[in-house]
């Protein structure tokens, strides 16, 4: 089947954006804005406006970070951050364990929400809990936001228990306090947090991509081609990301023996 007659279920791949850092997200946002339809629908136009706004916020947060003078944390701050990090790690790990336990049952005994929740929260397992402090808080924030956006928090509570869900929220909030995520105390102005700005930009890009895909008519080659043009930047990013992952996981050839 040619790309021009690609079915909608394949086009849906275009709305799945790999995890990108801030600079890559800024570049993707700029490319998508440049490739946007000239006459978008009212819904797409509103979402595109949101994309522009979140990209601008992300740019501002990155500028703030560059301007922020480096300062050494006190020993007490370091201890507090480590304790908060361990607690949030444990909270997400417990949720992963309890959700994963359901998958050990026969498929016909597994509740419907289990697999979607694992995909939503743990597509890469618990790797997100092993990154730098602020990045981890951002990844945690992203997952909590996805739960709200897709109305799945009640399902998560049913699958793992309210005590575990409450612990995630509490540990997440304490982590934010330990990392001093919030206002810029030196100037008194609200500072756009880098993690929040990045997550908001990612969410806006995902929503925009989904709306573009939803507009496509897989029986109309012109419609499919227009969708592919609008989302070509995502296709390029996905391809590059896949190539990097393959290169990282490909086993290295052993050195040739010295004669």
C-alpha atoms as a PDB file:
ATOM      1  CA  UNK A   1       0.000   0.000   0.000  1.00  0.00           C
ATOM      2  CA  UNK A   2       1.391   3.411  -0.942  1.00  0.00           C
ATOM      3  CA  UNK A   3       1.947   6.079   1.666  1.00  0.00           C
ATOM      4  CA  UNK A   4      -0.677   8.185  -0.153  1.00  0.00           C
ATOM      5  CA  UNK A   5      -3.319   5.574   0.669  1.00  0.00           C
ATOM      6  CA  UNK A   6      -2.134   4.881   4.174  1.00  0.00           C
ATOM      7  CA  UNK A   7      -5.044   3.807   6.450  1.00  0.00           C
ATOM      8  CA  UNK A   8      -6.035   5.854   9.462  1.00  0.00           C
ATOM      9  CA  UNK A   9      -4.713   3.292  11.937  1.00  0.00           C
ATOM     10  CA  UNK A  10      -1.242   3.799  10.402  1.00  0.00           C
ATOM     11  CA  UNK A  11      -1.645   7.564  10.336  1.00  0.00           C
ATOM     12  CA  UNK A  12      -2.340   7.387  14.059  1.00  0.00           C
ATOM     13  CA  UNK A  13       1.360   6.574  14.505  1.00  0.00           C
ATOM     14  CA  UNK A  14       2.052  10.191  13.582  1.00  0.00           C
ATOM     15  CA  UNK A  15       0.374  11.376  16.788  1.00  0.00           C
ATOM     16  CA  UNK A  16       2.757   9.355  18.982  1.00  0.00           C
ATOM     17  CA  UNK A  17       5.655  11.621  19.774  1.00  0.00           C
ATOM     18  CA  UNK A  18       8.744  10.045  21.362  1.00  0.00           C
ATOM     19  CA  UNK A  19      10.080  11.513  24.633  1.00  0.00           C
ATOM     20  CA  UNK A  20      12.120  14.554  23.620  1.00  0.00           C
ATOM     21  CA  UNK A  21      14.230  16.974  25.605  1.00  0.00           C
ATOM     22  CA  UNK A  22      13.498  20.696  25.615  1.00  0.00           C
ATOM     23  CA  UNK A  23      15.639  21.635  22.623  1.00  0.00           C
ATOM     24  CA  UNK A  24      14.198  18.839  20.468  1.00  0.00           C
ATOM     25  CA  UNK A  25      10.651  19.756  21.556  1.00  0.00           C
ATOM     26  CA  UNK A  26      11.266  23.390  20.614  1.00  0.00           C
ATOM     27  CA  UNK A  27      12.561  22.332  17.201  1.00  0.00           C
ATOM     28  CA  UNK A  28       9.618  19.989  16.605  1.00  0.00           C
ATOM     29  CA  UNK A  29       7.146  22.671  17.661  1.00  0.00           C
ATOM     30  CA  UNK A  30       8.654  25.174  15.238  1.00  0.00           C
ATOM     31  CA  UNK A  31       8.584  22.615  12.404  1.00  0.00           C
ATOM     32  CA  UNK A  32       4.951  21.677  13.064  1.00  0.00           C
ATOM     33  CA  UNK A  33       3.907  25.322  13.176  1.00  0.00           C
ATOM     34  CA  UNK A  34       5.668  25.847   9.860  1.00  0.00           C
ATOM     35  CA  UNK A  35       3.947  22.813   8.311  1.00  0.00           C
ATOM     36  CA  UNK A  36       0.477  23.615   9.699  1.00  0.00           C
ATOM     37  CA  UNK A  37      -2.503  23.743   7.307  1.00  0.00           C
ATOM     38  CA  UNK A  38      -3.067  27.167   5.786  1.00  0.00           C
ATOM     39  CA  UNK A  39      -6.781  27.043   6.551  1.00  0.00           C
ATOM     40  CA  UNK A  40      -7.194  24.907   9.686  1.00  0.00           C
ATOM     41  CA  UNK A  41     -10.539  24.120  11.279  1.00  0.00           C
ATOM     42  CA  UNK A  42     -11.591  26.164  14.289  1.00  0.00           C
ATOM     43  CA  UNK A  43     -10.585  23.343  16.685  1.00  0.00           C
ATOM     44  CA  UNK A  44      -7.184  22.873  15.061  1.00  0.00           C
ATOM     45  CA  UNK A  45      -6.614  26.642  15.028  1.00  0.00           C
ATOM     46  CA  UNK A  46      -7.295  26.808  18.776  1.00  0.00           C
ATOM     47  CA  UNK A  47      -4.919  23.937  19.478  1.00  0.00           C
ATOM     48  CA  UNK A  48      -2.291  25.453  17.208  1.00  0.00           C
ATOM     49  CA  UNK A  49      -2.580  28.658  19.221  1.00  0.00           C
ATOM     50  CA  UNK A  50      -1.974  26.582  22.351  1.00  0.00           C
ATOM     51  CA  UNK A  51       1.073  24.996  20.703  1.00  0.00           C
ATOM     52  CA  UNK A  52       2.533  28.436  19.976  1.00  0.00           C
ATOM     53  CA  UNK A  53       1.873  29.567  23.553  1.00  0.00           C
ATOM     54  CA  UNK A  54       3.449  26.510  25.180  1.00  0.00           C
ATOM     55  CA  UNK A  55       6.460  26.657  22.867  1.00  0.00           C
ATOM     56  CA  UNK A  56       6.918  30.319  23.838  1.00  0.00           C
ATOM     57  CA  UNK A  57       6.702  29.355  27.542  1.00  0.00           C
ATOM     58  CA  UNK A  58       9.257  26.593  27.019  1.00  0.00           C
ATOM     59  CA  UNK A  59      11.617  29.025  25.312  1.00  0.00           C
ATOM     60  CA  UNK A  60      11.210  31.412  28.249  1.00  0.00           C
ATOM     61  CA  UNK A  61      11.890  28.662  30.781  1.00  0.00           C
ATOM     62  CA  UNK A  62      15.059  27.654  28.947  1.00  0.00           C
ATOM     63  CA  UNK A  63      16.241  31.274  28.913  1.00  0.00           C
ATOM     64  CA  UNK A  64      15.529  31.519  32.642  1.00  0.00           C
ATOM     65  CA  UNK A  65      17.584  28.393  33.255  1.00  0.00           C
ATOM     66  CA  UNK A  66      20.541  29.791  31.314  1.00  0.00           C
ATOM     67  CA  UNK A  67      20.379  33.053  33.240  1.00  0.00           C
ATOM     68  CA  UNK A  68      20.022  31.371  36.606  1.00  0.00           C
ATOM     69  CA  UNK A  69      23.294  31.533  38.483  1.00  0.00           C
ATOM     70  CA  UNK A  70      24.611  28.222  39.717  1.00  0.00           C
ATOM     71  CA  UNK A  71      24.605  27.778  43.468  1.00  0.00           C
ATOM     72  CA  UNK A  72      25.691  24.876  45.661  1.00  0.00           C
ATOM     73  CA  UNK A  73      22.937  23.219  47.644  1.00  0.00           C
ATOM     74  CA  UNK A  74      23.439  22.876  51.382  1.00  0.00           C
ATOM     75  CA  UNK A  75      23.961  19.451  52.932  1.00  0.00           C
ATOM     76  CA  UNK A  76      20.450  19.650  54.371  1.00  0.00           C
ATOM     77  CA  UNK A  77      19.003  20.391  50.922  1.00  0.00           C
ATOM     78  CA  UNK A  78      20.864  17.431  49.444  1.00  0.00           C
ATOM     79  CA  UNK A  79      19.510  15.077  52.127  1.00  0.00           C
ATOM     80  CA  UNK A  80      15.967  16.364  51.672  1.00  0.00           C
ATOM     81  CA  UNK A  81      16.145  15.913  47.915  1.00  0.00           C
ATOM     82  CA  UNK A  82      17.509  12.401  48.201  1.00  0.00           C
ATOM     83  CA  UNK A  83      14.788  11.406  50.673  1.00  0.00           C
ATOM     84  CA  UNK A  84      12.083  12.876  48.443  1.00  0.00           C
ATOM     85  CA  UNK A  85      13.583  11.128  45.427  1.00  0.00           C
ATOM     86  CA  UNK A  86      13.599   7.743  47.182  1.00  0.00           C
ATOM     87  CA  UNK A  87       9.981   8.203  48.272  1.00  0.00           C
ATOM     88  CA  UNK A  88       8.734   9.114  44.788  1.00  0.00           C
ATOM     89  CA  UNK A  89      10.717   6.227  43.275  1.00  0.00           C
ATOM     90  CA  UNK A  90       9.076   3.850  45.743  1.00  0.00           C
ATOM     91  CA  UNK A  91       5.592   5.228  45.093  1.00  0.00           C
ATOM     92  CA  UNK A  92       5.790   4.734  41.341  1.00  0.00           C
ATOM     93  CA  UNK A  93       7.542   1.374  41.751  1.00  0.00           C
ATOM     94  CA  UNK A  94       4.725   0.131  43.997  1.00  0.00           C
ATOM     95  CA  UNK A  95       2.134   1.226  41.434  1.00  0.00           C
ATOM     96  CA  UNK A  96       4.074  -0.556  38.680  1.00  0.00           C
ATOM     97  CA  UNK A  97       4.327  -3.752  40.737  1.00  0.00           C
ATOM     98  CA  UNK A  98       0.622  -3.814  41.582  1.00  0.00           C
ATOM     99  CA  UNK A  99      -0.460  -3.117  38.006  1.00  0.00           C
ATOM    100  CA  UNK A 100       1.995  -5.636  36.579  1.00  0.00           C
ATOM    101  CA  UNK A 101       0.727  -8.317  38.969  1.00  0.00           C
ATOM    102  CA  UNK A 102      -2.568  -8.372  37.054  1.00  0.00           C
ATOM    103  CA  UNK A 103      -0.737  -9.347  33.850  1.00  0.00           C
ATOM    104  CA  UNK A 104       0.372 -12.614  35.471  1.00  0.00           C
ATOM    105  CA  UNK A 105      -3.228 -13.825  35.375  1.00  0.00           C
ATOM    106  CA  UNK A 106      -4.744 -15.465  32.276  1.00  0.00           C
ATOM    107  CA  UNK A 107      -5.779 -12.801  29.767  1.00  0.00           C
ATOM    108  CA  UNK A 108      -9.494 -13.444  30.285  1.00  0.00           C
ATOM    109  CA  UNK A 109      -9.028 -12.715  34.007  1.00  0.00           C
ATOM    110  CA  UNK A 110      -7.211  -9.397  33.513  1.00  0.00           C
ATOM    111  CA  UNK A 111      -9.336  -6.257  34.053  1.00  0.00           C
ATOM    112  CA  UNK A 112      -9.673  -4.108  30.933  1.00  0.00           C
ATOM    113  CA  UNK A 113      -7.896  -1.014  32.321  1.00  0.00           C
ATOM    114  CA  UNK A 114      -4.650  -2.807  33.198  1.00  0.00           C
ATOM    115  CA  UNK A 115      -2.894  -2.837  29.819  1.00  0.00           C
ATOM    116  CA  UNK A 116      -3.889   0.749  28.868  1.00  0.00           C
ATOM    117  CA  UNK A 117      -2.702   1.999  32.254  1.00  0.00           C
ATOM    118  CA  UNK A 118       0.629   0.221  31.915  1.00  0.00           C
ATOM    119  CA  UNK A 119       1.065   1.754  28.466  1.00  0.00           C
ATOM    120  CA  UNK A 120       0.089   5.214  29.679  1.00  0.00           C
ATOM    121  CA  UNK A 121       2.254   5.254  32.802  1.00  0.00           C
ATOM    122  CA  UNK A 122       4.994   2.698  32.252  1.00  0.00           C
ATOM    123  CA  UNK A 123       5.675   2.441  28.524  1.00  0.00           C
ATOM    124  CA  UNK A 124       9.397   2.426  29.394  1.00  0.00           C
ATOM    125  CA  UNK A 125       9.001   0.631  32.705  1.00  0.00           C
ATOM    126  CA  UNK A 126      10.526   2.587  35.577  1.00  0.00           C
ATOM    127  CA  UNK A 127      13.333   4.202  33.585  1.00  0.00           C
ATOM    128  CA  UNK A 128      11.870   7.651  34.246  1.00  0.00           C
ATOM    129  CA  UNK A 129      12.608   7.233  37.967  1.00  0.00           C
ATOM    130  CA  UNK A 130      16.339   6.912  37.258  1.00  0.00           C
ATOM    131  CA  UNK A 131      16.928  10.292  35.626  1.00  0.00           C
ATOM    132  CA  UNK A 132      18.050  13.602  37.152  1.00  0.00           C
ATOM    133  CA  UNK A 133      15.888  15.022  39.947  1.00  0.00           C
ATOM    134  CA  UNK A 134      14.082  17.761  38.036  1.00  0.00           C
ATOM    135  CA  UNK A 135      13.657  15.581  34.954  1.00  0.00           C
ATOM    136  CA  UNK A 136      12.141  12.863  37.126  1.00  0.00           C
ATOM    137  CA  UNK A 137       9.705  15.308  38.704  1.00  0.00           C
ATOM    138  CA  UNK A 138       8.766  16.432  35.189  1.00  0.00           C
ATOM    139  CA  UNK A 139       8.191  12.835  34.060  1.00  0.00           C
ATOM    140  CA  UNK A 140       6.062  12.206  37.154  1.00  0.00           C
ATOM    141  CA  UNK A 141       4.086  15.369  36.424  1.00  0.00           C
ATOM    142  CA  UNK A 142       3.613  14.245  32.831  1.00  0.00           C
ATOM    143  CA  UNK A 143       2.125  10.921  33.953  1.00  0.00           C
ATOM    144  CA  UNK A 144      -0.207  12.517  36.486  1.00  0.00           C
ATOM    145  CA  UNK A 145      -1.334  14.944  33.815  1.00  0.00           C
ATOM    146  CA  UNK A 146      -1.980  12.094  31.377  1.00  0.00           C
ATOM    147  CA  UNK A 147      -4.121  10.349  34.000  1.00  0.00           C
ATOM    148  CA  UNK A 148      -6.258  13.469  34.365  1.00  0.00           C
ATOM    149  CA  UNK A 149      -6.370  14.160  30.632  1.00  0.00           C
ATOM    150  CA  UNK A 150      -7.585  10.646  29.833  1.00  0.00           C
ATOM    151  CA  UNK A 151      -9.830  10.339  32.934  1.00  0.00           C
ATOM    152  CA  UNK A 152      -8.035   7.219  34.136  1.00  0.00           C
ATOM    153  CA  UNK A 153      -7.201   8.062  37.746  1.00  0.00           C
ATOM    154  CA  UNK A 154     -10.344   6.326  39.003  1.00  0.00           C
ATOM    155  CA  UNK A 155      -9.371   3.207  37.024  1.00  0.00           C
ATOM    156  CA  UNK A 156      -5.878   3.327  38.503  1.00  0.00           C
ATOM    157  CA  UNK A 157      -7.360   3.556  41.999  1.00  0.00           C
ATOM    158  CA  UNK A 158      -9.546   0.519  41.309  1.00  0.00           C
ATOM    159  CA  UNK A 159      -6.554  -1.472  40.043  1.00  0.00           C
ATOM    160  CA  UNK A 160      -3.952  -0.647  42.728  1.00  0.00           C
ATOM    161  CA  UNK A 161      -5.853   0.876  45.662  1.00  0.00           C
ATOM    162  CA  UNK A 162      -6.420   4.429  46.876  1.00  0.00           C
ATOM    163  CA  UNK A 163      -3.544   4.284  49.389  1.00  0.00           C
ATOM    164  CA  UNK A 164      -1.014   3.802  46.589  1.00  0.00           C
ATOM    165  CA  UNK A 165      -2.514   6.509  44.366  1.00  0.00           C
ATOM    166  CA  UNK A 166      -2.563   8.942  47.295  1.00  0.00           C
ATOM    167  CA  UNK A 167       1.073   8.133  48.024  1.00  0.00           C
ATOM    168  CA  UNK A 168       2.091   9.004  44.455  1.00  0.00           C
ATOM    169  CA  UNK A 169       0.378  12.390  44.735  1.00  0.00           C
ATOM    170  CA  UNK A 170       1.865  13.105  48.156  1.00  0.00           C
ATOM    171  CA  UNK A 171       5.383  12.007  47.197  1.00  0.00           C
ATOM    172  CA  UNK A 172       5.151  14.054  44.000  1.00  0.00           C
ATOM    173  CA  UNK A 173       4.148  17.182  45.935  1.00  0.00           C
ATOM    174  CA  UNK A 174       6.916  16.669  48.497  1.00  0.00           C
ATOM    175  CA  UNK A 175       9.432  16.201  45.700  1.00  0.00           C
ATOM    176  CA  UNK A 176       8.415  19.564  44.242  1.00  0.00           C
ATOM    177  CA  UNK A 177       8.994  21.202  47.631  1.00  0.00           C
ATOM    178  CA  UNK A 178      12.388  19.546  48.024  1.00  0.00           C
ATOM    179  CA  UNK A 179      13.438  20.783  44.592  1.00  0.00           C
ATOM    180  CA  UNK A 180      12.057  24.285  45.269  1.00  0.00           C
ATOM    181  CA  UNK A 181       9.892  24.136  42.161  1.00  0.00           C
ATOM    182  CA  UNK A 182       7.823  27.334  42.073  1.00  0.00           C
ATOM    183  CA  UNK A 183       8.394  31.086  42.206  1.00  0.00           C
ATOM    184  CA  UNK A 184      11.733  32.818  41.762  1.00  0.00           C
ATOM    185  CA  UNK A 185      12.386  34.062  45.292  1.00  0.00           C
ATOM    186  CA  UNK A 186      15.152  36.424  44.217  1.00  0.00           C
ATOM    187  CA  UNK A 187      12.934  38.493  41.936  1.00  0.00           C
ATOM    188  CA  UNK A 188       9.479  37.741  43.300  1.00  0.00           C
ATOM    189  CA  UNK A 189       8.159  36.967  39.836  1.00  0.00           C
ATOM    190  CA  UNK A 190       6.544  33.700  38.804  1.00  0.00           C
ATOM    191  CA  UNK A 191       9.139  31.652  36.980  1.00  0.00           C
ATOM    192  CA  UNK A 192       7.985  29.200  34.329  1.00  0.00           C
ATOM    193  CA  UNK A 193       9.211  25.850  35.617  1.00  0.00           C
ATOM    194  CA  UNK A 194      11.203  23.954  33.009  1.00  0.00           C
ATOM    195  CA  UNK A 195       9.545  20.600  33.661  1.00  0.00           C
ATOM    196  CA  UNK A 196       6.037  22.056  33.640  1.00  0.00           C
ATOM    197  CA  UNK A 197       6.766  24.041  30.473  1.00  0.00           C
ATOM    198  CA  UNK A 198       8.209  20.989  28.717  1.00  0.00           C
ATOM    199  CA  UNK A 199       5.263  18.781  29.715  1.00  0.00           C
ATOM    200  CA  UNK A 200       2.746  21.413  28.608  1.00  0.00           C
ATOM    201  CA  UNK A 201       4.458  21.741  25.229  1.00  0.00           C
ATOM    202  CA  UNK A 202       4.535  17.967  24.778  1.00  0.00           C
ATOM    203  CA  UNK A 203       0.823  17.711  25.646  1.00  0.00           C
ATOM    204  CA  UNK A 204      -0.088  20.493  23.212  1.00  0.00           C
ATOM    205  CA  UNK A 205       1.901  18.851  20.415  1.00  0.00           C
ATOM    206  CA  UNK A 206       0.232  15.486  21.060  1.00  0.00           C
ATOM    207  CA  UNK A 207      -3.244  17.036  21.030  1.00  0.00           C
ATOM    208  CA  UNK A 208      -2.488  18.936  17.821  1.00  0.00           C
ATOM    209  CA  UNK A 209      -1.215  15.779  16.118  1.00  0.00           C
ATOM    210  CA  UNK A 210      -4.299  13.793  17.191  1.00  0.00           C
ATOM    211  CA  UNK A 211      -6.602  16.485  15.801  1.00  0.00           C
ATOM    212  CA  UNK A 212      -4.771  16.540  12.469  1.00  0.00           C
ATOM    213  CA  UNK A 213      -5.051  12.743  12.229  1.00  0.00           C
ATOM    214  CA  UNK A 214      -8.748  12.862  13.134  1.00  0.00           C
ATOM    215  CA  UNK A 215      -9.403  15.189  10.195  1.00  0.00           C
ATOM    216  CA  UNK A 216      -7.981  12.713   7.665  1.00  0.00           C
ATOM    217  CA  UNK A 217     -10.241  10.705   5.359  1.00  0.00           C
ATOM    218  CA  UNK A 218      -8.454   7.469   4.443  1.00  0.00           C
ATOM    219  CA  UNK A 219     -10.620   7.151   1.313  1.00  0.00           C
ATOM    220  CA  UNK A 220      -9.380  10.522   0.052  1.00  0.00           C
ATOM    221  CA  UNK A 221      -5.743  10.458  -1.085  1.00  0.00           C
ATOM    222  CA  UNK A 222      -5.523  14.257  -1.013  1.00  0.00           C
ATOM    223  CA  UNK A 223      -6.715  14.309   2.591  1.00  0.00           C
ATOM    224  CA  UNK A 224      -4.204  11.643   3.634  1.00  0.00           C
ATOM    225  CA  UNK A 225      -1.395  13.446   1.802  1.00  0.00           C
ATOM    226  CA  UNK A 226      -2.281  16.723   3.537  1.00  0.00           C
ATOM    227  CA  UNK A 227      -2.177  14.960   6.911  1.00  0.00           C
ATOM    228  CA  UNK A 228       1.207  13.465   6.124  1.00  0.00           C
ATOM    229  CA  UNK A 229       2.578  16.878   5.112  1.00  0.00           C
ATOM    230  CA  UNK A 230       1.303  18.522   8.290  1.00  0.00           C
ATOM    231  CA  UNK A 231       2.801  15.798  10.500  1.00  0.00           C
ATOM    232  CA  UNK A 232       5.964  15.076   8.506  1.00  0.00           C
ATOM    233  CA  UNK A 233       8.125  16.662  11.251  1.00  0.00           C
ATOM    234  CA  UNK A 234       6.858  14.027  13.703  1.00  0.00           C
ATOM    235  CA  UNK A 235       7.588  11.244  11.218  1.00  0.00           C
ATOM    236  CA  UNK A 236      11.168  12.492  10.893  1.00  0.00           C
ATOM    237  CA  UNK A 237      11.598  12.715  14.659  1.00  0.00           C
ATOM    238  CA  UNK A 238      10.184   9.215  15.166  1.00  0.00           C
ATOM    239  CA  UNK A 239      12.508   7.785  12.538  1.00  0.00           C
ATOM    240  CA  UNK A 240      15.572   9.471  14.050  1.00  0.00           C
ATOM    241  CA  UNK A 241      14.562   8.375  17.548  1.00  0.00           C
ATOM    242  CA  UNK A 242      14.089   4.785  16.383  1.00  0.00           C
ATOM    243  CA  UNK A 243      17.494   4.780  14.698  1.00  0.00           C
ATOM    244  CA  UNK A 244      19.175   6.069  17.861  1.00  0.00           C
ATOM    245  CA  UNK A 245      17.473   3.408  19.970  1.00  0.00           C
ATOM    246  CA  UNK A 246      18.545   0.682  17.558  1.00  0.00           C
ATOM    247  CA  UNK A 247      22.125   1.936  17.601  1.00  0.00           C
ATOM    248  CA  UNK A 248      22.160   2.031  21.408  1.00  0.00           C
ATOM    249  CA  UNK A 249      20.777  -1.499  21.785  1.00  0.00           C
ATOM    250  CA  UNK A 250      22.795  -3.128  18.994  1.00  0.00           C
ATOM    251  CA  UNK A 251      25.493  -5.321  20.557  1.00  0.00           C
ATOM    252  CA  UNK A 252      29.010  -4.125  19.912  1.00  0.00           C
ATOM    253  CA  UNK A 253      31.248  -6.382  17.890  1.00  0.00           C
ATOM    254  CA  UNK A 254      34.182  -7.714  19.892  1.00  0.00           C
ATOM    255  CA  UNK A 255      37.560  -6.332  19.039  1.00  0.00           C
ATOM    256  CA  UNK A 256      39.574  -8.480  16.705  1.00  0.00           C
ATOM    257  CA  UNK A 257      42.204 -10.533  18.525  1.00  0.00           C
ATOM    258  CA  UNK A 258      45.687  -9.124  18.445  1.00  0.00           C
ATOM    259  CA  UNK A 259      47.848 -11.260  16.130  1.00  0.00           C
END
